[in-house]
Protein backbone atom coordinates (compact mmCIF):
# COMPACT_ATOMS: atom_id res chain seq x y z
CA UNK A 1 33.85 93.05 -3.21
CA UNK A 2 32.22 90.17 -1.36
CA UNK A 3 34.97 87.78 -2.46
CA UNK A 4 37.55 90.12 -0.92
CA UNK A 5 35.74 90.03 2.42
CA UNK A 6 35.46 86.25 2.29
CA UNK A 7 39.14 85.84 1.43
CA UNK A 8 40.09 88.32 4.14
CA UNK A 9 37.95 86.51 6.70
CA UNK A 10 39.51 83.18 5.71
CA UNK A 11 42.95 84.75 6.07
CA UNK A 12 42.08 86.11 9.51
CA UNK A 13 40.77 82.72 10.69
CA UNK A 14 43.88 80.97 9.36
CA UNK A 15 46.14 83.53 11.02
CA UNK A 16 44.30 83.07 14.32
CA UNK A 17 44.69 79.28 14.06
CA UNK A 18 48.43 79.62 13.37
CA UNK A 19 48.81 81.90 16.41
CA UNK A 20 46.93 79.39 18.58
CA UNK A 21 49.19 76.56 17.36
CA UNK A 22 52.27 78.69 18.01
CA UNK A 23 50.97 79.44 21.50
CA UNK A 24 50.50 75.74 22.18
CA UNK A 25 54.04 74.88 21.05
CA UNK A 26 55.40 77.64 23.30
CA UNK A 27 53.36 76.28 26.21
CA UNK A 28 54.59 72.74 25.50
CA UNK A 29 58.25 73.83 25.24
CA UNK A 30 58.03 75.66 28.58
CA UNK A 31 56.40 72.58 30.12
CA UNK A 32 59.26 70.36 28.91
CA UNK A 33 61.96 72.76 30.14
CA UNK A 34 60.41 73.37 33.56
CA UNK A 35 59.62 69.69 34.09
CA UNK A 36 63.23 68.79 33.23
CA UNK A 37 64.43 71.30 35.81
CA UNK A 38 61.99 70.04 38.45
CA UNK A 39 62.94 66.41 37.80
CA UNK A 40 66.60 67.33 38.23
CA UNK A 41 65.91 69.15 41.51
CA UNK A 42 63.72 66.34 42.82
CA UNK A 43 66.18 63.56 42.00
CA UNK A 44 69.18 65.50 43.32
CA UNK A 45 67.75 66.69 46.66
CA UNK A 46 64.94 64.28 47.60
CA UNK A 47 65.05 61.15 45.44
CA UNK A 48 63.17 59.13 48.05
CA UNK A 49 59.88 60.91 47.18
CA UNK A 50 59.08 61.70 43.53
CA UNK A 51 57.00 64.84 44.05
CA UNK A 52 57.63 66.08 40.51
CA UNK A 53 55.07 63.52 39.30
CA UNK A 54 52.24 65.57 40.84
CA UNK A 55 53.35 68.69 39.01
CA UNK A 56 53.83 66.73 35.81
CA UNK A 57 50.34 65.27 36.07
CA UNK A 58 48.57 68.53 36.93
CA UNK A 59 50.30 70.69 34.37
CA UNK A 60 50.19 67.82 31.85
CA UNK A 61 46.40 67.83 32.05
CA UNK A 62 46.51 71.54 31.23
CA UNK A 63 48.86 71.00 28.29
CA UNK A 64 46.68 68.15 26.99
CA UNK A 65 43.50 70.24 27.20
CA UNK A 66 45.30 73.10 25.44
CA UNK A 67 46.28 70.68 22.64
CA UNK A 68 42.72 69.38 22.40
CA UNK A 69 41.41 72.92 22.02
CA UNK A 70 44.02 74.05 19.48
CA UNK A 71 43.91 70.93 17.31
CA UNK A 72 40.14 70.38 17.64
CA UNK A 73 40.37 66.98 19.30
CA UNK A 74 37.21 67.32 21.40
CA UNK A 75 35.24 64.17 20.62
CA UNK A 76 32.12 65.39 22.41
CA UNK A 77 32.39 69.15 21.93
CA UNK A 78 33.34 69.30 18.26
CA UNK A 79 33.91 72.27 16.02
CA UNK A 80 30.26 73.15 15.50
CA UNK A 81 28.84 71.80 18.78
CA UNK A 82 27.93 75.28 20.02
CA UNK A 83 26.06 76.16 16.82
CA UNK A 84 24.13 72.87 16.90
CA UNK A 85 23.12 73.42 20.54
CA UNK A 86 21.96 76.98 19.82
CA UNK A 87 19.90 75.74 16.89
CA UNK A 88 18.46 72.94 19.04
CA UNK A 89 17.40 75.35 21.79
CA UNK A 90 15.94 77.79 19.28
CA UNK A 91 13.93 74.97 17.64
CA UNK A 92 12.69 73.79 21.03
CA UNK A 93 11.64 77.33 21.92
CA UNK A 94 9.86 77.74 18.57
CA UNK A 95 7.97 74.45 18.99
CA UNK A 96 7.02 75.09 22.61
CA UNK A 97 3.30 75.83 23.19
CA UNK A 98 2.61 79.49 23.93
CA UNK A 99 0.68 78.81 27.16
CA UNK A 100 2.44 76.46 29.52
């Protein structure tokens, strides 16, 4: 019965990852469509000032951070960073003298 739970948990994690990837691709597609529309509007009505670049930069940072989260590209906050920090703090607490 334990193998069933493990397989089911693996399936659930994989399904969650697929949904996160699908969410990223949806976000990215909307970004591309909206940015295309904004570039068109900007170049048609006020080509002397390229204001769409500010929107592209701001939203692009959001899209990039979404990609980093979904595809685990955090160089400094890796997959198991949180678990390592919890263990570190627990070890520090355990080794701390009782009377400080």
